[in-house]
Protein backbone atom coordinates (compact mmCIF):
# COMPACT_ATOMS: atom_id res chain seq x y z
CA MET A 1 25.05 16.29 15.22
CA THR A 2 22.18 16.89 17.51
CA VAL A 3 22.71 14.19 19.93
CA ALA A 4 25.93 16.07 20.56
CA SER A 5 24.25 19.53 20.87
CA VAL A 6 21.71 18.09 23.12
CA THR A 7 23.96 16.21 25.64
CA GLY A 8 27.37 17.70 24.73
CA VAL A 9 30.18 15.91 22.70
CA ASP A 10 32.03 15.27 25.80
CA GLN A 11 29.19 13.63 27.73
CA PRO A 12 29.16 9.93 28.43
CA VAL A 13 25.58 9.36 27.02
CA THR A 14 26.75 10.58 23.53
CA GLY A 15 29.85 8.25 23.19
CA TRP A 16 28.02 5.38 24.99
CA PHE A 17 24.92 5.52 22.45
CA TRP A 18 27.63 5.33 19.59
CA LEU A 19 29.49 2.40 21.22
CA VAL A 20 26.33 0.07 21.84
CA GLY A 21 23.43 2.16 20.90
CA GLY A 22 20.92 0.02 18.97
CA MET A 23 23.01 -2.83 17.14
CA VAL A 24 20.78 -2.64 14.08
CA THR A 25 22.34 -2.11 10.60
CA CYS A 26 24.46 -3.63 8.12
CA ALA A 27 25.61 -6.88 6.62
CA ALA A 28 27.51 -8.12 3.57
CA TRP A 29 25.44 -10.67 1.88
CA ASN A 30 24.46 -10.05 -1.67
CA ILE A 31 21.41 -12.12 -2.73
CA ARG A 32 22.04 -11.66 -6.25
CA THR A 33 25.52 -13.23 -5.97
CA VAL A 34 23.99 -16.27 -4.08
CA ILE A 35 21.47 -16.77 -7.00
CA ARG A 36 24.01 -16.52 -9.56
CA GLU A 37 26.24 -18.97 -7.82
CA LYS A 38 23.13 -21.48 -7.49
CA VAL A 39 22.78 -21.12 -11.27
CA GLY A 40 26.15 -21.90 -11.92
CA GLN A 41 26.33 -20.63 -15.49
CA SER A 42 27.39 -17.31 -17.09
CA GLY A 43 25.14 -15.40 -19.73
CA VAL A 44 22.03 -15.93 -17.93
CA GLY A 45 19.87 -12.84 -17.95
CA ASP A 46 17.50 -13.42 -15.33
CA SER A 47 19.29 -15.82 -12.80
CA LEU A 48 16.28 -16.15 -10.37
CA SER A 49 14.06 -17.15 -13.25
CA PHE A 50 16.60 -19.74 -14.35
CA LEU A 51 16.94 -21.21 -10.81
CA PHE A 52 13.32 -21.28 -10.35
CA ASP A 53 12.57 -22.98 -13.96
CA ALA A 54 15.20 -25.54 -13.15
CA ASN A 55 13.75 -26.65 -9.70
CA LYS A 56 10.00 -25.82 -9.85
CA GLU A 57 9.07 -29.35 -10.60
CA LYS A 58 10.64 -30.56 -7.31
CA ALA A 59 8.18 -28.16 -5.26
CA GLY A 60 5.29 -29.24 -7.41
CA LEU A 61 4.67 -25.91 -9.33
CA GLY A 62 5.22 -27.25 -12.81
CA GLY A 63 3.74 -24.56 -15.10
CA ALA A 64 4.42 -21.74 -12.85
CA ARG A 65 7.02 -18.94 -13.95
CA MET A 66 8.92 -16.47 -12.13
CA ALA A 67 10.57 -13.10 -13.26
CA THR A 68 12.77 -10.61 -11.60
CA ILE A 69 11.11 -7.03 -11.35
CA GLU A 70 14.00 -5.43 -9.23
CA ALA A 71 17.32 -6.86 -7.94
CA GLY A 72 19.31 -4.93 -5.22
CA PRO A 73 22.26 -6.21 -3.19
CA ARG A 74 20.00 -7.22 -0.12
CA LYS A 75 16.63 -7.65 -1.71
CA VAL A 76 15.19 -9.20 -4.81
CA ASP A 77 11.42 -8.39 -5.95
CA ALA A 78 9.93 -10.91 -8.41
CA VAL A 79 6.61 -11.90 -9.77
CA MET A 80 5.33 -15.44 -10.08
CA ALA A 81 2.97 -16.36 -12.80
CA LEU A 82 0.81 -19.40 -11.73
CA PRO A 83 -0.85 -21.87 -14.08
CA ALA A 84 -4.31 -20.19 -14.52
CA GLY A 85 -7.36 -22.08 -12.99
CA GLU A 86 -4.93 -24.65 -11.40
CA LYS A 87 -3.23 -22.90 -8.49
CA VAL A 88 -3.84 -19.76 -6.42
CA VAL A 89 -1.44 -17.73 -4.33
CA ALA A 90 -2.60 -19.61 -1.24
CA ASP A 91 -1.31 -22.83 -2.86
CA VAL A 92 2.07 -21.40 -3.29
CA GLN A 93 2.38 -19.79 0.21
CA LYS A 94 1.96 -23.26 1.62
CA LYS A 95 4.76 -24.50 -0.70
CA THR A 96 7.13 -21.76 0.29
CA GLU A 97 9.70 -23.91 2.29
CA TYR A 98 9.43 -26.47 -0.35
CA ILE A 99 10.46 -24.01 -3.00
CA GLU A 100 13.25 -22.67 -1.09
CA GLY A 101 14.48 -26.19 -0.46
CA ALA A 102 14.30 -26.99 -4.11
CA MET A 103 16.29 -23.90 -5.06
CA GLY A 104 18.76 -24.54 -2.28
CA LEU A 105 18.15 -21.42 -0.44
CA PRO A 106 18.08 -20.65 3.21
CA PRO A 107 14.73 -21.27 5.07
CA GLY A 108 13.09 -18.06 5.51
CA THR A 109 14.42 -16.61 2.24
CA MET A 110 11.08 -16.17 0.37
CA THR A 111 7.96 -14.18 1.13
CA ILE A 112 5.06 -14.61 -1.20
CA ALA A 113 1.95 -12.26 -1.42
CA PRO A 114 -0.91 -11.86 -3.40
CA ASN A 115 -1.15 -9.72 -6.52
CA LEU A 116 -3.95 -7.24 -5.51
CA ASP A 117 -4.89 -6.88 -9.54
CA ARG A 118 -4.61 -10.73 -10.65
CA ALA A 119 -5.30 -13.83 -8.87
CA ASP A 120 -3.17 -15.81 -10.95
CA LEU A 121 0.01 -13.60 -10.13
CA ALA A 122 2.14 -13.67 -6.63
CA GLN A 123 4.60 -10.93 -5.53
CA VAL A 124 7.76 -12.67 -4.35
CA THR A 125 10.48 -11.05 -2.18
CA LEU A 126 13.82 -12.81 -1.53
CA SER A 127 16.13 -11.68 1.25
CA ASP A 128 18.63 -13.27 3.67
CA PRO A 129 17.30 -14.57 6.88
CA ARG A 130 20.62 -15.15 8.31
CA VAL A 131 21.33 -11.50 8.65
CA MET A 132 19.52 -11.31 11.99
CA ARG A 133 21.50 -13.84 13.72
CA GLN A 134 24.37 -11.60 14.49
CA PRO A 135 24.51 -8.07 16.20
CA ILE A 136 24.44 -5.35 13.33
CA PRO A 137 26.50 -2.22 14.24
CA TRP A 138 24.19 0.87 14.98
CA PRO A 139 24.79 3.67 12.28
CA GLY A 140 23.90 6.38 14.75
CA PRO A 141 20.44 8.46 14.91
CA SER A 142 18.59 8.56 11.74
CA ASN A 143 17.32 12.00 11.86
CA PRO A 144 18.96 14.25 14.41
CA GLY A 145 17.44 17.59 15.00
CA ALA A 146 13.99 16.49 13.34
CA SER A 147 10.55 16.47 15.09
CA VAL A 148 9.55 13.38 17.31
CA ALA A 149 6.67 13.34 14.82
CA ASP A 150 9.04 12.23 12.14
CA PRO A 151 9.63 8.48 11.91
CA VAL A 152 12.34 7.11 14.11
CA ARG A 153 14.43 4.05 13.17
CA PRO A 154 14.46 1.28 15.75
CA GLY A 155 15.82 -1.35 13.60
CA VAL A 156 15.97 -3.00 10.26
CA TRP A 157 13.90 -5.50 8.37
CA GLN A 158 15.39 -8.79 7.24
CA ASP A 159 16.28 -7.10 3.99
CA LEU A 160 18.12 -4.41 5.88
CA ASP A 161 15.61 -1.77 4.93
CA ASP A 162 15.09 0.81 7.84
CA VAL A 163 11.89 0.04 10.21
CA GLU A 164 10.44 3.55 10.26
CA TYR A 165 8.00 3.98 13.09
CA VAL A 166 5.97 7.10 14.23
CA MET A 167 6.12 7.27 17.95
CA THR A 168 3.47 10.12 18.56
CA ASN A 169 -0.32 9.92 19.54
CA HIS A 170 -0.65 6.20 20.72
CA HIS A 171 0.76 4.09 23.53
CA LEU A 172 3.33 1.41 23.09
CA GLN A 173 3.97 -1.82 24.95
CA ILE A 174 7.15 -3.86 24.44
CA MET A 175 6.78 -7.64 25.81
CA GLY A 176 9.02 -10.60 25.78
CA MET A 177 10.65 -13.36 27.90
CA SER A 178 13.65 -12.62 30.12
CA GLY A 179 16.64 -11.98 27.90
CA ALA A 180 14.71 -11.44 24.71
CA GLY A 181 16.26 -7.96 24.36
CA LYS A 182 13.62 -5.61 25.64
CA SER A 183 16.07 -3.14 26.91
CA ILE A 184 18.45 -3.23 24.08
CA SER A 185 16.34 -3.79 21.14
CA GLY A 186 13.38 -1.84 22.66
CA ALA A 187 14.48 0.84 25.10
CA TRP A 188 18.15 1.66 23.81
CA ASN A 189 17.13 1.96 20.02
CA LEU A 190 14.21 4.02 20.60
CA LEU A 191 15.39 6.20 23.19
CA ALA A 192 18.74 6.63 21.13
CA GLU A 193 16.54 8.07 18.61
CA LEU A 194 14.26 10.27 20.64
CA ILE A 195 16.86 12.15 22.67
CA THR A 196 18.17 13.54 19.23
CA ARG A 197 14.70 15.14 18.50
CA HIS A 198 14.18 18.68 19.38
CA ASP A 199 10.67 18.73 20.85
CA VAL A 200 10.44 15.79 22.91
CA ALA A 201 11.05 15.28 26.62
CA VAL A 202 11.50 11.74 27.97
CA LEU A 203 10.47 11.05 31.52
CA ALA A 204 11.50 7.39 32.60
CA ALA A 205 11.38 5.32 35.61
CA ASP A 206 12.67 1.66 36.63
CA VAL A 207 11.98 0.59 40.29
CA THR A 208 13.46 -2.83 39.56
CA LYS A 209 16.90 -2.63 37.87
CA GLY A 210 17.35 1.03 38.76
CA ASP A 211 20.40 2.26 36.72
CA GLN A 212 21.21 -0.81 34.82
CA SER A 213 19.18 -0.25 31.77
CA LEU A 214 18.59 3.42 31.76
CA GLY A 215 21.22 4.59 33.84
CA PRO A 216 23.69 5.20 30.95
CA LEU A 217 21.00 7.40 29.39
CA ARG A 218 20.44 9.32 32.41
CA GLU A 219 21.94 12.58 31.23
CA GLY A 220 19.93 12.55 27.97
CA LEU A 221 16.51 12.16 29.93
CA HIS A 222 14.53 15.11 31.29
CA ARG A 223 13.70 13.01 34.46
CA PHE A 224 14.42 9.55 35.74
CA GLU A 225 13.36 7.86 38.94
CA THR A 226 14.34 4.65 40.43
CA ASP A 227 12.33 4.30 43.59
CA LYS A 228 8.76 3.78 44.11
CA ALA A 229 8.35 7.13 45.85
CA GLY A 230 9.91 8.89 43.04
CA VAL A 231 7.86 7.09 40.38
CA ARG A 232 4.73 7.98 42.31
CA THR A 233 5.62 11.47 42.24
CA LEU A 234 6.44 11.45 38.55
CA ILE A 235 3.21 10.02 37.54
CA SER A 236 1.44 12.29 39.72
CA ASP A 237 3.13 15.28 38.20
CA VAL A 238 2.48 14.20 34.66
CA HIS A 239 -1.23 13.59 35.56
CA ASP A 240 -1.46 17.11 37.06
CA GLN A 241 -0.32 18.64 33.93
CA LEU A 242 -3.04 16.65 31.86
CA LYS A 243 -5.70 19.32 32.02
CA PRO A 244 -3.51 22.43 31.52
CA ARG A 245 -1.94 20.74 28.53
CA THR A 246 -5.12 19.75 26.81
CA ASP A 247 -6.60 23.32 27.48
CA TRP A 248 -3.52 24.92 25.89
CA LEU A 249 -4.29 22.74 22.96
CA SER A 250 -7.65 23.23 22.65
CA SER A 251 -7.29 27.26 23.18
CA HIS A 252 -4.95 27.27 20.09
CA GLY A 253 -7.01 25.19 17.92
CA PHE A 254 -5.39 21.87 18.19
CA VAL A 255 -7.24 18.34 18.72
CA ASN A 256 -4.13 16.44 19.45
CA TRP A 257 -0.23 17.42 19.74
CA GLU A 258 1.35 18.60 16.50
CA PRO A 259 4.94 19.80 15.65
CA GLY A 260 4.89 23.45 16.31
CA CYS A 261 1.79 23.58 18.67
CA GLY A 262 3.83 25.32 21.41
CA LEU A 263 4.12 22.23 23.78
CA THR A 264 7.10 19.74 24.02
CA TYR A 265 6.06 16.32 23.54
CA TRP A 266 6.15 14.12 26.66
CA ILE A 267 7.14 10.38 26.58
CA LEU A 268 6.85 8.58 29.88
CA TRP A 269 8.91 5.46 29.79
CA LEU A 270 8.17 2.86 32.39
CA GLU A 271 10.74 -0.08 32.56
CA GLU A 272 9.74 -3.34 34.26
CA PHE A 273 5.92 -2.12 34.17
CA PRO A 274 4.53 -4.90 36.16
CA ASP A 275 6.43 -4.06 39.22
CA ILE A 276 5.13 -0.53 38.91
CA ASN A 277 1.62 -1.64 38.00
CA ASP A 278 1.72 -3.92 41.37
CA SER A 279 2.20 -1.00 43.36
CA TRP A 280 -0.58 1.01 41.96
CA GLY A 281 -3.13 -1.10 39.92
CA ASP A 282 -6.18 0.46 38.80
CA ALA A 283 -5.14 3.66 40.14
CA LEU A 284 -2.33 4.03 37.58
CA ALA A 285 -4.72 3.00 34.74
CA ALA A 286 -7.06 5.93 35.74
CA ARG A 287 -4.22 8.34 35.45
CA ARG A 288 -2.93 7.00 31.94
CA PRO A 289 -2.19 10.02 29.68
CA ARG A 290 -4.55 10.60 26.65
CA ARG A 291 -4.60 13.51 24.11
CA SER A 292 -2.33 16.14 26.01
CA ALA A 293 0.97 15.44 24.07
CA GLN A 294 2.07 12.86 26.53
CA ARG A 295 2.33 9.14 25.87
CA ALA A 296 3.09 6.18 27.97
CA GLN A 297 5.61 3.60 26.90
CA GLY A 298 5.71 0.46 28.85
CA LYS A 299 8.21 -2.55 28.81
CA ALA A 300 7.19 -5.72 30.47
CA GLU A 301 7.42 -9.58 30.43
CA ARG A 302 4.42 -11.56 29.04
CA ARG A 303 3.20 -11.95 32.65
CA ALA A 304 2.02 -8.27 32.48
CA ALA A 305 -0.48 -9.17 29.90
CA ARG A 306 -1.75 -12.08 31.79
CA ARG A 307 -2.31 -10.00 34.85
CA GLY A 308 -4.52 -7.65 32.79
CA GLY A 309 -3.01 -4.62 34.09
CA PRO A 310 -3.00 -1.23 32.34
CA VAL A 311 -0.01 -2.26 30.16
CA GLY A 312 -2.28 -4.78 28.62
CA ARG A 313 -4.49 -1.96 27.37
CA LEU A 314 -1.74 -0.07 25.73
CA GLY A 315 -2.35 0.63 21.98
CA SER A 316 0.78 -0.65 20.15
CA ARG A 317 2.99 -3.76 20.96
CA VAL A 318 6.29 -5.08 20.09
CA LEU A 319 6.74 -8.72 20.97
CA LEU A 320 10.33 -10.13 21.25
CA ALA A 321 11.02 -13.97 21.90
CA LEU A 322 7.47 -15.08 23.54
CA ARG A 323 6.90 -18.57 24.54
């Protein structure tokens, strides 16, 4: 595996990622079994349809019908036919909790969306909302040896399908209250993926917690700074390479970084960004990387956005347990 070839099979960072990595994938809940148990009868061809028909009047959906389209162990896709001219999808969406209650399912089981071709049909997805209550073991990097331009897997959805996220050519901000899991769910999950890709270098800094969050990854990082002087030098060094890298891309016919363009993709990962921002303010915003195959990833608590610092202007956001 590339994580081993990059860091070495006997290196602590390799074993550490396998031990606590990202806590993201696997549960033993079978939604088809639950639906069959709710029906309580054998010989029923479509258990979900039977269960819905037996309880739809309780939720005020008389005249509606539901049929299973595809049933897997973790997710059931279905279609709901509404009484034409009497109800629309928006009416059903408002009743989602009532439908779940009438059918005896956990709250949050059902997701209802419009059918883009017919207003009298709704797309229904059922999965187990309880799967996220406990840590889920990390299965290892999703695509070791691939390019950073290929999707990474920072976690799973409620139905346990992989979340696929492309890291390149935009900025990322991870926000959340203290204890929300920004370091584990954010930094560890993403960095565990990134250090196994062959064409990326991660340059990291944390002036607040030092080695606490990123220290175990030190041997997998290309550079890691934990004091203000070191971070200042890191950001200055990255900025000094901005024009040479954009000139390289331009001279070789590239508008943005692409796999195989001849440059290693740089990710600047800044933990506890508000404390870094407090030290440099607008001077840091002026040095924000743009299209030179380097992107800034910042992790901060919600107070950073309120202060309106550069982190508030990053392009994509992950929100964890905001109040």
